[in-house]
Amino acid sequence: MEFKFVEKKKGSVEVEFDEKEIPVSLASILTGNGVDAYWYEPHPLMAGVRLHINSDDAMKDFKKAVNDLSGEWGEFKKLVLSKTK
């Protein structure tokens, strides 16, 4: 997985990912937390999916969403392992 920051401002962050799952999951977490965030594909023929975040402190919200996603994947992993014994 690769990613790069396209824009980093206090009120706006845009990150480009090489796969779709992570930005879609992060956008879901962010909007669930009341943050203005969305994902999109800038061009249908070119690789890359972007996550755009608008908030008072967009980088802080991005870091929190990444942390939340990590926790959710950990819970999912435990659930899968418990059901596949």
N, C-alpha and C. Protein backbone atom coordinates (compact mmCIF):
# COMPACT_ATOMS: atom_id res chain seq x y z
N MET A 1 0.84 -1.18 0.00
CA MET A 1 0.00 0.00 0.00
C MET A 1 0.88 1.24 0.00
N GLU A 2 0.56 2.14 -0.86
CA GLU A 2 1.26 3.42 -0.94
C GLU A 2 0.26 4.55 -0.76
N PHE A 3 0.74 5.67 -0.22
CA PHE A 3 -0.09 6.86 -0.16
C PHE A 3 0.80 8.09 -0.18
N LYS A 4 0.21 9.21 -0.59
CA LYS A 4 0.95 10.48 -0.57
C LYS A 4 -0.03 11.60 -0.26
N PHE A 5 0.48 12.62 0.40
CA PHE A 5 -0.33 13.79 0.69
C PHE A 5 -0.34 14.69 -0.55
N VAL A 6 -1.53 14.99 -1.01
CA VAL A 6 -1.69 15.89 -2.14
C VAL A 6 -1.82 17.32 -1.63
N GLU A 7 -2.46 17.45 -0.46
CA GLU A 7 -2.67 18.77 0.15
C GLU A 7 -2.62 18.61 1.67
N LYS A 8 -1.90 19.51 2.31
CA LYS A 8 -1.85 19.52 3.78
C LYS A 8 -1.98 20.96 4.26
N LYS A 9 -3.17 21.29 4.71
CA LYS A 9 -3.43 22.60 5.31
C LYS A 9 -4.13 22.35 6.63
N LYS A 10 -4.20 23.36 7.47
CA LYS A 10 -4.85 23.18 8.76
C LYS A 10 -6.30 22.72 8.60
N GLY A 11 -7.03 23.32 7.69
CA GLY A 11 -8.45 23.01 7.54
C GLY A 11 -8.77 22.02 6.44
N SER A 12 -7.75 21.55 5.73
CA SER A 12 -8.01 20.66 4.59
C SER A 12 -6.83 19.74 4.35
N VAL A 13 -7.14 18.45 4.21
CA VAL A 13 -6.12 17.45 3.91
C VAL A 13 -6.65 16.59 2.77
N GLU A 14 -5.78 16.30 1.80
CA GLU A 14 -6.14 15.38 0.74
C GLU A 14 -5.01 14.37 0.59
N VAL A 15 -5.38 13.10 0.61
CA VAL A 15 -4.41 12.00 0.55
C VAL A 15 -4.77 11.10 -0.61
N GLU A 16 -3.76 10.71 -1.39
CA GLU A 16 -3.99 9.79 -2.50
C GLU A 16 -3.45 8.42 -2.13
N PHE A 17 -4.28 7.39 -2.36
CA PHE A 17 -3.93 6.01 -2.06
C PHE A 17 -3.88 5.21 -3.36
N ASP A 18 -3.14 4.11 -3.35
CA ASP A 18 -3.07 3.27 -4.55
C ASP A 18 -4.13 2.17 -4.54
N GLU A 19 -4.91 2.10 -3.48
CA GLU A 19 -6.01 1.13 -3.41
C GLU A 19 -7.23 1.81 -2.82
N LYS A 20 -8.40 1.22 -3.02
CA LYS A 20 -9.66 1.87 -2.69
C LYS A 20 -10.14 1.62 -1.25
N GLU A 21 -9.80 0.47 -0.69
CA GLU A 21 -10.39 0.06 0.59
C GLU A 21 -10.09 1.03 1.74
N ILE A 22 -8.87 1.46 1.83
CA ILE A 22 -8.49 2.33 2.96
C ILE A 22 -9.19 3.69 2.92
N PRO A 23 -9.14 4.44 1.80
CA PRO A 23 -9.84 5.73 1.81
C PRO A 23 -11.35 5.62 2.00
N VAL A 24 -11.96 4.56 1.48
CA VAL A 24 -13.40 4.38 1.67
C VAL A 24 -13.70 4.15 3.15
N SER A 25 -12.90 3.30 3.80
CA SER A 25 -13.09 3.02 5.22
C SER A 25 -12.84 4.27 6.07
N LEU A 26 -11.79 5.01 5.75
CA LEU A 26 -11.49 6.23 6.51
C LEU A 26 -12.58 7.27 6.33
N ALA A 27 -13.09 7.42 5.12
CA ALA A 27 -14.18 8.38 4.89
C ALA A 27 -15.41 8.02 5.69
N SER A 28 -15.69 6.73 5.79
CA SER A 28 -16.84 6.27 6.57
C SER A 28 -16.65 6.60 8.06
N ILE A 29 -15.47 6.35 8.56
CA ILE A 29 -15.19 6.66 9.98
C ILE A 29 -15.28 8.16 10.21
N LEU A 30 -14.69 8.95 9.33
CA LEU A 30 -14.70 10.40 9.49
C LEU A 30 -16.11 10.97 9.46
N THR A 31 -16.91 10.55 8.48
CA THR A 31 -18.28 11.07 8.41
C THR A 31 -19.10 10.61 9.61
N GLY A 32 -18.82 9.41 10.09
CA GLY A 32 -19.47 8.92 11.31
C GLY A 32 -19.14 9.75 12.53
N ASN A 33 -17.96 10.38 12.50
CA ASN A 33 -17.54 11.26 13.59
C ASN A 33 -17.95 12.71 13.35
N GLY A 34 -18.74 12.95 12.30
CA GLY A 34 -19.23 14.30 12.02
C GLY A 34 -18.26 15.18 11.25
N VAL A 35 -17.25 14.59 10.63
CA VAL A 35 -16.26 15.35 9.86
C VAL A 35 -16.67 15.36 8.39
N ASP A 36 -16.49 16.47 7.73
CA ASP A 36 -16.76 16.59 6.30
C ASP A 36 -15.64 15.89 5.53
N ALA A 37 -15.90 14.70 5.05
CA ALA A 37 -14.89 13.91 4.34
C ALA A 37 -15.55 13.09 3.24
N TYR A 38 -14.80 12.88 2.17
CA TYR A 38 -15.30 12.05 1.08
C TYR A 38 -14.11 11.47 0.32
N TRP A 39 -14.37 10.41 -0.43
CA TRP A 39 -13.34 9.81 -1.28
C TRP A 39 -13.80 9.93 -2.72
N TYR A 40 -12.83 9.95 -3.63
CA TYR A 40 -13.17 10.00 -5.04
C TYR A 40 -12.00 9.50 -5.89
N GLU A 41 -12.32 9.15 -7.13
CA GLU A 41 -11.30 8.76 -8.09
C GLU A 41 -11.12 9.92 -9.06
N PRO A 42 -9.95 10.57 -9.06
CA PRO A 42 -9.76 11.76 -9.89
C PRO A 42 -9.93 11.52 -11.39
N HIS A 43 -9.57 10.34 -11.85
CA HIS A 43 -9.70 10.05 -13.28
C HIS A 43 -9.96 8.56 -13.46
N PRO A 44 -10.96 8.20 -14.23
CA PRO A 44 -11.31 6.77 -14.36
C PRO A 44 -10.24 5.91 -15.04
N LEU A 45 -9.36 6.50 -15.81
CA LEU A 45 -8.34 5.73 -16.52
C LEU A 45 -6.98 5.74 -15.82
N MET A 46 -6.87 6.48 -14.75
CA MET A 46 -5.60 6.56 -14.02
C MET A 46 -5.77 5.97 -12.63
N ALA A 47 -4.72 5.33 -12.15
CA ALA A 47 -4.77 4.74 -10.81
C ALA A 47 -4.81 5.83 -9.74
N GLY A 48 -5.33 5.46 -8.59
CA GLY A 48 -5.34 6.37 -7.46
C GLY A 48 -6.73 6.72 -6.99
N VAL A 49 -6.89 6.70 -5.70
CA VAL A 49 -8.14 7.08 -5.05
C VAL A 49 -7.78 8.10 -3.98
N ARG A 50 -8.54 9.17 -3.91
CA ARG A 50 -8.22 10.25 -2.97
C ARG A 50 -9.25 10.35 -1.84
N LEU A 51 -8.76 10.73 -0.69
CA LEU A 51 -9.57 11.03 0.48
C LEU A 51 -9.42 12.51 0.75
N HIS A 52 -10.53 13.25 0.80
CA HIS A 52 -10.50 14.69 1.08
C HIS A 52 -11.20 14.94 2.41
N ILE A 53 -10.54 15.73 3.26
CA ILE A 53 -11.07 16.03 4.60
C ILE A 53 -11.09 17.54 4.79
N ASN A 54 -12.23 18.08 5.21
CA ASN A 54 -12.37 19.49 5.58
C ASN A 54 -12.82 19.55 7.02
N SER A 55 -12.04 20.19 7.87
CA SER A 55 -12.44 20.39 9.27
C SER A 55 -11.52 21.44 9.88
N ASP A 56 -11.80 21.81 11.12
CA ASP A 56 -10.96 22.81 11.79
C ASP A 56 -9.51 22.34 11.90
N ASP A 57 -9.31 21.07 12.20
CA ASP A 57 -7.96 20.49 12.26
C ASP A 57 -7.98 19.16 11.50
N ALA A 58 -7.89 19.24 10.19
CA ALA A 58 -8.05 18.07 9.33
C ALA A 58 -7.00 16.99 9.59
N MET A 59 -5.77 17.38 9.85
CA MET A 59 -4.72 16.38 10.09
C MET A 59 -4.99 15.61 11.37
N LYS A 60 -5.46 16.29 12.40
CA LYS A 60 -5.80 15.63 13.66
C LYS A 60 -6.94 14.63 13.42
N ASP A 61 -7.94 15.04 12.66
CA ASP A 61 -9.06 14.15 12.36
C ASP A 61 -8.60 12.96 11.52
N PHE A 62 -7.69 13.18 10.59
CA PHE A 62 -7.14 12.09 9.77
C PHE A 62 -6.41 11.08 10.65
N LYS A 63 -5.56 11.56 11.54
CA LYS A 63 -4.80 10.67 12.43
C LYS A 63 -5.75 9.88 13.34
N LYS A 64 -6.79 10.53 13.84
CA LYS A 64 -7.75 9.83 14.70
C LYS A 64 -8.48 8.74 13.92
N ALA A 65 -8.86 9.03 12.69
CA ALA A 65 -9.55 8.03 11.86
C ALA A 65 -8.64 6.84 11.57
N VAL A 66 -7.36 7.10 11.31
CA VAL A 66 -6.41 6.01 11.08
C VAL A 66 -6.30 5.14 12.32
N ASN A 67 -6.25 5.78 13.47
CA ASN A 67 -6.21 5.05 14.75
C ASN A 67 -7.47 4.22 14.94
N ASP A 68 -8.63 4.81 14.67
CA ASP A 68 -9.90 4.09 14.80
C ASP A 68 -9.95 2.90 13.84
N LEU A 69 -9.47 3.10 12.62
CA LEU A 69 -9.46 2.02 11.63
C LEU A 69 -8.58 0.87 12.09
N SER A 70 -7.46 1.20 12.67
CA SER A 70 -6.55 0.18 13.19
C SER A 70 -7.24 -0.66 14.26
N GLY A 71 -7.97 0.01 15.15
CA GLY A 71 -8.70 -0.69 16.21
C GLY A 71 -9.79 -1.59 15.65
N GLU A 72 -10.51 -1.08 14.64
CA GLU A 72 -11.58 -1.88 14.04
C GLU A 72 -11.02 -3.10 13.33
N TRP A 73 -9.89 -2.98 12.65
CA TRP A 73 -9.28 -4.13 11.98
C TRP A 73 -8.79 -5.15 13.01
N GLY A 74 -8.29 -4.65 14.15
CA GLY A 74 -7.87 -5.56 15.22
C GLY A 74 -9.04 -6.36 15.76
N GLU A 75 -10.17 -5.69 15.96
CA GLU A 75 -11.38 -6.38 16.43
C GLU A 75 -11.86 -7.40 15.39
N PHE A 76 -11.83 -7.00 14.11
CA PHE A 76 -12.24 -7.90 13.04
C PHE A 76 -11.33 -9.13 12.99
N LYS A 77 -10.05 -8.92 13.15
CA LYS A 77 -9.09 -10.03 13.13
C LYS A 77 -9.39 -11.02 14.26
N LYS A 78 -9.64 -10.49 15.45
CA LYS A 78 -9.96 -11.37 16.60
C LYS A 78 -11.23 -12.16 16.33
N LEU A 79 -12.24 -11.50 15.76
CA LEU A 79 -13.51 -12.16 15.48
C LEU A 79 -13.32 -13.29 14.45
N VAL A 80 -12.56 -13.01 13.41
CA VAL A 80 -12.32 -14.03 12.38
C VAL A 80 -11.55 -15.20 12.97
N LEU A 81 -10.51 -14.91 13.73
CA LEU A 81 -9.71 -15.98 14.32
C LEU A 81 -10.52 -16.82 15.29
N SER A 82 -11.42 -16.21 16.05
CA SER A 82 -12.23 -16.96 17.00
C SER A 82 -13.23 -17.88 16.30
N LYS A 83 -13.68 -17.49 15.12
CA LYS A 83 -14.67 -18.28 14.40
C LYS A 83 -14.05 -19.30 13.47
N THR A 84 -12.74 -19.28 13.33
CA THR A 84 -12.08 -20.22 12.42
C THR A 84 -11.19 -21.22 13.14
N LYS A 85 -11.39 -21.37 14.43
CA LYS A 85 -10.58 -22.33 15.20
C LYS A 85 -11.04 -23.73 14.95
